[in-house]
């Protein structure tokens, strides 16, 4: 089921956008982050209502260490698709990187509410929850 959801999210009705998405994903997988970012920038310009364009751009920005910009793109994804568990969990991971662990845990839990089968996210949320228990007075 998860794979079918991602296939739906990745598909646009615009062939040029689909081509740019494929190019961007390949560039991202090869570590050519600047090239990937160029492709996803073009997608967000051409199809601003296509949530996955924003999500992929957010992912690349995160990979580049540009966390605050990534957060802005994730927020755009969630405006377009509030149940996008990839964006929900991604926001949690970004917030961990920014040192905002309590906020991160909230977003990771939201992702798990939407998709309880995110095993890696569950492990991260459990570890974060345990760590935060020790910090509370």
Protein backbone atom coordinates (compact mmCIF):
# COMPACT_ATOMS: atom_id res chain seq x y z
CA UNK A 1 0.00 0.00 0.00
CA UNK A 2 2.79 2.41 0.93
CA UNK A 3 4.38 2.02 -2.50
CA UNK A 4 1.07 2.76 -4.24
CA UNK A 5 0.64 5.95 -2.21
CA UNK A 6 4.14 7.13 -3.16
CA UNK A 7 3.45 6.34 -6.82
CA UNK A 8 0.30 8.47 -6.64
CA UNK A 9 2.18 11.31 -4.96
CA UNK A 10 4.97 11.18 -7.55
CA UNK A 11 2.63 11.38 -10.54
CA UNK A 12 1.60 14.67 -12.10
CA UNK A 13 -0.81 15.17 -14.98
CA UNK A 14 1.91 17.24 -16.66
CA UNK A 15 4.41 15.13 -18.63
CA UNK A 16 7.10 17.81 -18.38
CA UNK A 17 6.75 17.83 -14.59
CA UNK A 18 6.99 14.03 -14.51
CA UNK A 19 10.16 14.21 -16.61
CA UNK A 20 11.66 16.84 -14.28
CA UNK A 21 10.69 14.69 -11.27
CA UNK A 22 12.45 11.65 -12.71
CA UNK A 23 15.55 13.72 -13.49
CA UNK A 24 15.54 15.24 -10.02
CA UNK A 25 15.16 11.91 -8.26
CA UNK A 26 18.01 10.39 -10.27
CA UNK A 27 20.23 13.41 -9.56
CA UNK A 28 19.39 13.17 -5.85
CA UNK A 29 20.21 9.45 -5.78
CA UNK A 30 23.56 10.17 -7.45
CA UNK A 31 24.38 12.89 -4.95
CA UNK A 32 24.11 15.67 -7.55
CA UNK A 33 22.14 17.83 -5.14
CA UNK A 34 22.52 21.12 -7.01
CA UNK A 35 21.15 19.50 -10.18
CA UNK A 36 18.31 17.89 -8.22
CA UNK A 37 17.47 21.21 -6.59
CA UNK A 38 17.32 22.88 -10.01
CA UNK A 39 14.81 20.27 -11.20
CA UNK A 40 12.63 20.55 -8.11
CA UNK A 41 12.79 24.36 -8.24
CA UNK A 42 11.44 24.16 -11.78
CA UNK A 43 8.66 21.80 -10.68
CA UNK A 44 7.54 24.15 -7.90
CA UNK A 45 7.47 27.03 -10.41
CA UNK A 46 5.55 25.08 -13.06
CA UNK A 47 3.20 23.22 -10.72
CA UNK A 48 2.90 25.04 -7.38
CA UNK A 49 -0.04 22.82 -6.36
CA UNK A 50 1.95 19.60 -6.85
CA UNK A 51 2.85 18.61 -3.29
CA UNK A 52 5.55 16.12 -4.19
CA UNK A 53 7.59 18.77 -5.99
CA UNK A 54 7.78 20.70 -2.72
CA UNK A 55 8.48 17.52 -0.77
CA UNK A 56 11.40 16.49 -2.96
CA UNK A 57 12.81 20.00 -2.83
CA UNK A 58 12.48 19.93 0.97
CA UNK A 59 14.37 16.63 1.02
CA UNK A 60 17.22 17.99 -1.09
CA UNK A 61 17.43 21.14 1.01
CA UNK A 62 17.63 18.96 4.13
CA UNK A 63 20.39 16.89 2.55
CA UNK A 64 22.25 20.14 1.79
CA UNK A 65 21.99 21.22 5.43
CA UNK A 66 19.60 24.04 4.54
CA UNK A 67 17.16 23.08 7.28
CA UNK A 68 15.17 26.29 7.64
CA UNK A 69 14.43 26.40 3.91
CA UNK A 70 13.48 22.75 4.07
CA UNK A 71 10.96 23.49 6.85
CA UNK A 72 9.29 26.14 4.67
CA UNK A 73 8.89 23.63 1.84
CA UNK A 74 7.54 20.94 4.17
CA UNK A 75 4.96 23.42 5.39
CA UNK A 76 3.92 23.97 1.77
CA UNK A 77 3.59 20.19 1.29
CA UNK A 78 1.38 19.93 4.37
CA UNK A 79 -0.79 22.82 3.20
CA UNK A 80 -1.42 20.86 0.00
CA UNK A 81 -1.53 17.34 1.49
CA UNK A 82 -1.96 17.33 5.30
CA UNK A 83 -1.63 13.53 5.49
CA UNK A 84 1.71 13.37 3.67
CA UNK A 85 3.46 11.16 6.20
CA UNK A 86 6.79 11.58 4.40
CA UNK A 87 6.59 15.33 5.00
CA UNK A 88 5.34 14.87 8.58
CA UNK A 89 8.23 12.55 9.44
CA UNK A 90 10.66 14.72 7.47
CA UNK A 91 9.67 17.74 9.52
CA UNK A 92 10.35 15.72 12.65
CA UNK A 93 13.82 14.82 11.41
CA UNK A 94 14.57 18.44 10.48
CA UNK A 95 13.51 19.59 13.94
CA UNK A 96 15.79 16.98 15.52
CA UNK A 97 18.67 18.41 13.46
CA UNK A 98 17.72 21.90 14.69
CA UNK A 99 17.76 20.72 18.31
CA UNK A 100 14.01 21.13 18.76
CA UNK A 101 13.40 17.64 20.10
CA UNK A 102 9.99 18.16 21.76
CA UNK A 103 8.58 19.68 18.57
CA UNK A 104 10.23 16.91 16.55
CA UNK A 105 8.57 14.22 18.65
CA UNK A 106 5.16 15.79 18.07
CA UNK A 107 5.62 15.67 14.27
CA UNK A 108 7.02 12.14 14.31
CA UNK A 109 3.97 11.01 16.27
CA UNK A 110 1.69 12.74 13.75
CA UNK A 111 3.40 10.82 10.95
CA UNK A 112 2.82 7.57 12.84
CA UNK A 113 -0.87 8.43 13.31
CA UNK A 114 -1.20 8.66 9.53
CA UNK A 115 1.01 5.65 8.79
CA UNK A 116 1.72 3.37 11.77
CA UNK A 117 4.02 1.18 9.63
CA UNK A 118 6.94 3.64 9.54
CA UNK A 119 9.27 1.41 11.55
CA UNK A 120 12.32 3.68 11.42
CA UNK A 121 10.23 6.68 12.48
CA UNK A 122 8.72 4.65 15.33
CA UNK A 123 12.21 3.75 16.58
CA UNK A 124 13.31 7.39 16.38
CA UNK A 125 10.15 8.59 18.16
CA UNK A 126 10.57 5.98 20.91
CA UNK A 127 14.22 6.91 21.43
CA UNK A 128 13.40 10.61 21.44
CA UNK A 129 10.50 10.07 23.86
CA UNK A 130 12.76 8.18 26.27
CA UNK A 131 15.45 10.84 26.06
CA UNK A 132 12.93 13.61 26.70
CA UNK A 133 11.46 11.79 29.72
CA UNK A 134 14.84 12.16 31.40
CA UNK A 135 14.90 15.91 30.73
CA UNK A 136 11.47 16.68 32.20
CA UNK A 137 11.20 17.66 35.84
